[in-house]
Amino acid sequence: MSKNCKENSNICCDVKNCVYHTTDCKCTADSIKVSNKNACSCAETSCATFKLNESAVGSI
């Protein structure tokens, strides 16, 4: 996580291998984009802001 990122306490995130994920399951992205404009349920959506945190991949 970058030192300049601020936690958005209103956005919970369970994706531990994202660069914006904090250890207390919050998101530090300045903004988020949720994709799939044709979604009919939350399972059909995804966070288009996701960026892989290479250093977290091996620790999951």
PDB file of N, CA and C in Angstrom:
ATOM      1  N   MET A   1       0.840  -1.174   0.000  1.00  0.00           N
ATOM      2  CA  MET A   1       0.000   0.000   0.000  1.00  0.00           C
ATOM      3  C   MET A   1       0.885   1.237   0.000  1.00  0.00           C
ATOM      4  N   SER A   2       0.555   2.184  -0.799  1.00  0.00           N
ATOM      5  CA  SER A   2       1.301   3.432  -0.886  1.00  0.00           C
ATOM      6  C   SER A   2       1.095   4.273   0.364  1.00  0.00           C
ATOM      7  N   LYS A   3       2.102   5.024   0.764  1.00  0.00           N
ATOM      8  CA  LYS A   3       2.018   5.861   1.958  1.00  0.00           C
ATOM      9  C   LYS A   3       1.004   6.981   1.811  1.00  0.00           C
ATOM     10  N   ASN A   4       0.696   7.398   0.596  1.00  0.00           N
ATOM     11  CA  ASN A   4      -0.233   8.493   0.364  1.00  0.00           C
ATOM     12  C   ASN A   4      -1.686   8.049   0.306  1.00  0.00           C
ATOM     13  N   CYS A   5      -1.958   6.757   0.340  1.00  0.00           N
ATOM     14  CA  CYS A   5      -3.327   6.271   0.249  1.00  0.00           C
ATOM     15  C   CYS A   5      -4.049   6.446   1.579  1.00  0.00           C
ATOM     16  N   LYS A   6      -5.296   6.862   1.494  1.00  0.00           N
ATOM     17  CA  LYS A   6      -6.125   6.992   2.684  1.00  0.00           C
ATOM     18  C   LYS A   6      -7.194   5.922   2.627  1.00  0.00           C
ATOM     19  N   GLU A   7      -7.426   5.302   3.752  1.00  0.00           N
ATOM     20  CA  GLU A   7      -8.431   4.262   3.839  1.00  0.00           C
ATOM     21  C   GLU A   7      -9.820   4.866   3.699  1.00  0.00           C
ATOM     22  N   ASN A   8     -10.662   4.248   2.893  1.00  0.00           N
ATOM     23  CA  ASN A   8     -12.053   4.628   2.786  1.00  0.00           C
ATOM     24  C   ASN A   8     -12.830   3.665   3.669  1.00  0.00           C
ATOM     25  N   SER A   9     -13.213   4.102   4.846  1.00  0.00           N
ATOM     26  CA  SER A   9     -13.842   3.209   5.813  1.00  0.00           C
ATOM     27  C   SER A   9     -15.239   2.761   5.389  1.00  0.00           C
ATOM     28  N   ASN A  10     -15.770   3.338   4.317  1.00  0.00           N
ATOM     29  CA  ASN A  10     -17.090   2.944   3.840  1.00  0.00           C
ATOM     30  C   ASN A  10     -17.046   1.819   2.821  1.00  0.00           C
ATOM     31  N   ILE A  11     -15.846   1.446   2.376  1.00  0.00           N
ATOM     32  CA  ILE A  11     -15.724   0.392   1.375  1.00  0.00           C
ATOM     33  C   ILE A  11     -14.982  -0.790   1.989  1.00  0.00           C
ATOM     34  N   CYS A  12     -15.687  -1.895   2.139  1.00  0.00           N
ATOM     35  CA  CYS A  12     -15.077  -3.116   2.660  1.00  0.00           C
ATOM     36  C   CYS A  12     -14.563  -3.938   1.489  1.00  0.00           C
ATOM     37  N   CYS A  13     -13.427  -4.580   1.685  1.00  0.00           N
ATOM     38  CA  CYS A  13     -12.809  -5.353   0.617  1.00  0.00           C
ATOM     39  C   CYS A  13     -12.229  -6.646   1.177  1.00  0.00           C
ATOM     40  N   ASP A  14     -12.608  -7.763   0.599  1.00  0.00           N
ATOM     41  CA  ASP A  14     -12.091  -9.067   1.022  1.00  0.00           C
ATOM     42  C   ASP A  14     -10.992  -9.585   0.107  1.00  0.00           C
ATOM     43  N   VAL A  15     -10.629  -8.828  -0.916  1.00  0.00           N
ATOM     44  CA  VAL A  15      -9.650  -9.285  -1.909  1.00  0.00           C
ATOM     45  C   VAL A  15      -8.241  -8.985  -1.408  1.00  0.00           C
ATOM     46  N   LYS A  16      -7.649  -9.952  -0.740  1.00  0.00           N
ATOM     47  CA  LYS A  16      -6.377  -9.749  -0.048  1.00  0.00           C
ATOM     48  C   LYS A  16      -5.187  -9.551  -0.978  1.00  0.00           C
ATOM     49  N   ASN A  17      -5.306  -9.892  -2.248  1.00  0.00           N
ATOM     50  CA  ASN A  17      -4.172  -9.738  -3.161  1.00  0.00           C
ATOM     51  C   ASN A  17      -4.288  -8.489  -4.038  1.00  0.00           C
ATOM     52  N   CYS A  18      -5.093  -7.515  -3.606  1.00  0.00           N
ATOM     53  CA  CYS A  18      -5.221  -6.240  -4.317  1.00  0.00           C
ATOM     54  C   CYS A  18      -4.330  -5.202  -3.634  1.00  0.00           C
ATOM     55  N   VAL A  19      -3.692  -4.338  -4.412  1.00  0.00           N
ATOM     56  CA  VAL A  19      -2.806  -3.324  -3.843  1.00  0.00           C
ATOM     57  C   VAL A  19      -3.553  -2.332  -2.948  1.00  0.00           C
ATOM     58  N   TYR A  20      -4.855  -2.205  -3.099  1.00  0.00           N
ATOM     59  CA  TYR A  20      -5.636  -1.252  -2.316  1.00  0.00           C
ATOM     60  C   TYR A  20      -6.215  -1.856  -1.035  1.00  0.00           C
ATOM     61  N   HIS A  21      -6.029  -3.131  -0.818  1.00  0.00           N
ATOM     62  CA  HIS A  21      -6.569  -3.845   0.353  1.00  0.00           C
ATOM     63  C   HIS A  21      -5.737  -3.560   1.600  1.00  0.00           C
ATOM     64  N   THR A  22      -6.401  -3.318   2.732  1.00  0.00           N
ATOM     65  CA  THR A  22      -5.695  -3.154   4.003  1.00  0.00           C
ATOM     66  C   THR A  22      -5.890  -4.402   4.857  1.00  0.00           C
ATOM     67  N   THR A  23      -5.090  -4.544   5.881  1.00  0.00           N
ATOM     68  CA  THR A  23      -5.179  -5.723   6.739  1.00  0.00           C
ATOM     69  C   THR A  23      -6.509  -5.804   7.492  1.00  0.00           C
ATOM     70  N   ASP A  24      -7.207  -4.677   7.624  1.00  0.00           N
ATOM     71  CA  ASP A  24      -8.520  -4.710   8.273  1.00  0.00           C
ATOM     72  C   ASP A  24      -9.665  -4.682   7.249  1.00  0.00           C
ATOM     73  N   CYS A  25      -9.373  -5.158   6.041  1.00  0.00           N
ATOM     74  CA  CYS A  25     -10.366  -5.347   4.969  1.00  0.00           C
ATOM     75  C   CYS A  25     -11.049  -4.058   4.516  1.00  0.00           C
ATOM     76  N   LYS A  26     -10.275  -3.009   4.329  1.00  0.00           N
ATOM     77  CA  LYS A  26     -10.773  -1.748   3.792  1.00  0.00           C
ATOM     78  C   LYS A  26     -10.097  -1.486   2.452  1.00  0.00           C
ATOM     79  N   CYS A  27     -10.605  -0.507   1.718  1.00  0.00           N
ATOM     80  CA  CYS A  27     -10.069  -0.149   0.408  1.00  0.00           C
ATOM     81  C   CYS A  27      -9.417   1.226   0.481  1.00  0.00           C
ATOM     82  N   THR A  28      -8.230   1.367  -0.119  1.00  0.00           N
ATOM     83  CA  THR A  28      -7.522   2.648  -0.095  1.00  0.00           C
ATOM     84  C   THR A  28      -7.514   3.344  -1.459  1.00  0.00           C
ATOM     85  N   ALA A  29      -8.231   2.808  -2.438  1.00  0.00           N
ATOM     86  CA  ALA A  29      -8.286   3.440  -3.758  1.00  0.00           C
ATOM     87  C   ALA A  29      -8.976   4.801  -3.655  1.00  0.00           C
ATOM     88  N   ASP A  30      -8.512   5.771  -4.443  1.00  0.00           N
ATOM     89  CA  ASP A  30      -9.140   7.095  -4.459  1.00  0.00           C
ATOM     90  C   ASP A  30     -10.593   7.007  -4.910  1.00  0.00           C
ATOM     91  N   SER A  31     -10.863   6.100  -5.817  1.00  0.00           N
ATOM     92  CA  SER A  31     -12.223   5.850  -6.295  1.00  0.00           C
ATOM     93  C   SER A  31     -12.263   4.411  -6.773  1.00  0.00           C
ATOM     94  N   ILE A  32     -13.450   3.878  -6.908  1.00  0.00           N
ATOM     95  CA  ILE A  32     -13.576   2.515  -7.425  1.00  0.00           C
ATOM     96  C   ILE A  32     -14.527   2.510  -8.605  1.00  0.00           C
ATOM     97  N   LYS A  33     -14.335   1.524  -9.471  1.00  0.00           N
ATOM     98  CA  LYS A  33     -15.230   1.326 -10.600  1.00  0.00           C
ATOM     99  C   LYS A  33     -15.715  -0.112 -10.547  1.00  0.00           C
ATOM    100  N   VAL A  34     -17.016  -0.273 -10.510  1.00  0.00           N
ATOM    101  CA  VAL A  34     -17.625  -1.595 -10.520  1.00  0.00           C
ATOM    102  C   VAL A  34     -18.097  -1.850 -11.943  1.00  0.00           C
ATOM    103  N   SER A  35     -17.686  -2.979 -12.500  1.00  0.00           N
ATOM    104  CA  SER A  35     -17.994  -3.241 -13.907  1.00  0.00           C
ATOM    105  C   SER A  35     -19.039  -4.339 -14.099  1.00  0.00           C
ATOM    106  N   ASN A  36     -19.537  -4.414 -15.286  1.00  0.00           N
ATOM    107  CA  ASN A  36     -20.541  -5.301 -15.857  1.00  0.00           C
ATOM    108  C   ASN A  36     -21.899  -4.611 -15.819  1.00  0.00           C
ATOM    109  N   LYS A  37     -22.110  -3.744 -16.789  1.00  0.00           N
ATOM    110  CA  LYS A  37     -23.334  -2.942 -16.850  1.00  0.00           C
ATOM    111  C   LYS A  37     -24.594  -3.777 -17.035  1.00  0.00           C
ATOM    112  N   ASN A  38     -24.458  -5.036 -17.401  1.00  0.00           N
ATOM    113  CA  ASN A  38     -25.625  -5.907 -17.587  1.00  0.00           C
ATOM    114  C   ASN A  38     -25.873  -6.823 -16.393  1.00  0.00           C
ATOM    115  N   ALA A  39     -25.226  -6.565 -15.275  1.00  0.00           N
ATOM    116  CA  ALA A  39     -25.358  -7.423 -14.093  1.00  0.00           C
ATOM    117  C   ALA A  39     -26.781  -7.411 -13.544  1.00  0.00           C
ATOM    118  N   CYS A  40     -27.206  -8.564 -13.072  1.00  0.00           N
ATOM    119  CA  CYS A  40     -28.513  -8.694 -12.422  1.00  0.00           C
ATOM    120  C   CYS A  40     -28.371  -9.075 -10.954  1.00  0.00           C
ATOM    121  N   SER A  41     -27.152  -9.366 -10.541  1.00  0.00           N
ATOM    122  CA  SER A  41     -26.887  -9.697  -9.144  1.00  0.00           C
ATOM    123  C   SER A  41     -25.465  -9.269  -8.793  1.00  0.00           C
ATOM    124  N   CYS A  42     -25.170  -9.174  -7.508  1.00  0.00           N
ATOM    125  CA  CYS A  42     -23.827  -8.751  -7.095  1.00  0.00           C
ATOM    126  C   CYS A  42     -22.766  -9.751  -7.552  1.00  0.00           C
ATOM    127  N   ALA A  43     -23.126 -11.015  -7.693  1.00  0.00           N
ATOM    128  CA  ALA A  43     -22.175 -12.037  -8.142  1.00  0.00           C
ATOM    129  C   ALA A  43     -21.713 -11.801  -9.583  1.00  0.00           C
ATOM    130  N   GLU A  44     -22.470 -11.023 -10.336  1.00  0.00           N
ATOM    131  CA  GLU A  44     -22.126 -10.743 -11.724  1.00  0.00           C
ATOM    132  C   GLU A  44     -21.333  -9.447 -11.887  1.00  0.00           C
ATOM    133  N   THR A  45     -20.998  -8.798 -10.795  1.00  0.00           N
ATOM    134  CA  THR A  45     -20.213  -7.566 -10.852  1.00  0.00           C
ATOM    135  C   THR A  45     -18.767  -7.846 -10.467  1.00  0.00           C
ATOM    136  N   SER A  46     -17.888  -6.906 -10.792  1.00  0.00           N
ATOM    137  CA  SER A  46     -16.494  -7.035 -10.377  1.00  0.00           C
ATOM    138  C   SER A  46     -15.895  -5.646 -10.192  1.00  0.00           C
ATOM    139  N   CYS A  47     -14.859  -5.581  -9.402  1.00  0.00           N
ATOM    140  CA  CYS A  47     -14.176  -4.313  -9.156  1.00  0.00           C
ATOM    141  C   CYS A  47     -13.145  -4.105 -10.261  1.00  0.00           C
ATOM    142  N   ALA A  48     -13.415  -3.162 -11.126  1.00  0.00           N
ATOM    143  CA  ALA A  48     -12.499  -2.876 -12.228  1.00  0.00           C
ATOM    144  C   ALA A  48     -11.284  -2.086 -11.758  1.00  0.00           C
ATOM    145  N   THR A  49     -11.281  -1.648 -10.514  1.00  0.00           N
ATOM    146  CA  THR A  49     -10.162  -0.906  -9.932  1.00  0.00           C
ATOM    147  C   THR A  49      -9.069  -1.851  -9.434  1.00  0.00           C
ATOM    148  N   PHE A  50      -9.380  -3.123  -9.292  1.00  0.00           N
ATOM    149  CA  PHE A  50      -8.440  -4.126  -8.777  1.00  0.00           C
ATOM    150  C   PHE A  50      -7.087  -4.062  -9.488  1.00  0.00           C
ATOM    151  N   LYS A  51      -6.036  -4.064  -8.685  1.00  0.00           N
ATOM    152  CA  LYS A  51      -4.660  -4.194  -9.194  1.00  0.00           C
ATOM    153  C   LYS A  51      -3.965  -5.246  -8.344  1.00  0.00           C
ATOM    154  N   LEU A  52      -3.359  -6.201  -9.011  1.00  0.00           N
ATOM    155  CA  LEU A  52      -2.697  -7.303  -8.313  1.00  0.00           C
ATOM    156  C   LEU A  52      -1.518  -6.803  -7.489  1.00  0.00           C
ATOM    157  N   ASN A  53      -1.478  -7.213  -6.237  1.00  0.00           N
ATOM    158  CA  ASN A  53      -0.356  -6.934  -5.352  1.00  0.00           C
ATOM    159  C   ASN A  53       0.550  -8.162  -5.400  1.00  0.00           C
ATOM    160  N   GLU A  54       1.578  -8.083  -6.211  1.00  0.00           N
ATOM    161  CA  GLU A  54       2.478  -9.229  -6.421  1.00  0.00           C
ATOM    162  C   GLU A  54       3.062  -9.769  -5.115  1.00  0.00           C
ATOM    163  N   SER A  55       3.347  -8.898  -4.165  1.00  0.00           N
ATOM    164  CA  SER A  55       3.949  -9.349  -2.908  1.00  0.00           C
ATOM    165  C   SER A  55       2.951 -10.082  -2.012  1.00  0.00           C
ATOM    166  N   ALA A  56       1.660  -9.903  -2.237  1.00  0.00           N
ATOM    167  CA  ALA A  56       0.644 -10.557  -1.426  1.00  0.00           C
ATOM    168  C   ALA A  56       0.242 -11.917  -1.975  1.00  0.00           C
ATOM    169  N   VAL A  57       0.541 -12.192  -3.223  1.00  0.00           N
ATOM    170  CA  VAL A  57       0.091 -13.422  -3.870  1.00  0.00           C
ATOM    171  C   VAL A  57       0.588 -14.656  -3.133  1.00  0.00           C
ATOM    172  N   GLY A  58       1.810 -14.701  -2.738  1.00  0.00           N
ATOM    173  CA  GLY A  58       2.370 -15.881  -2.070  1.00  0.00           C
ATOM    174  C   GLY A  58       1.943 -16.032  -0.631  1.00  0.00           C
ATOM    175  N   SER A  59       1.382 -14.988  -0.019  1.00  0.00           N
ATOM    176  CA  SER A  59       1.028 -15.048   1.396  1.00  0.00           C
ATOM    177  C   SER A  59      -0.442 -15.316   1.635  1.00  0.00           C
ATOM    178  N   ILE A  60      -1.199 -15.586   0.576  1.00  0.00           N
ATOM    179  CA  ILE A  60      -2.647 -15.807   0.735  1.00  0.00           C
ATOM    180  C   ILE A  60      -2.929 -17.246   1.067  1.00  0.00           C
TER     181      ILE A  60
END
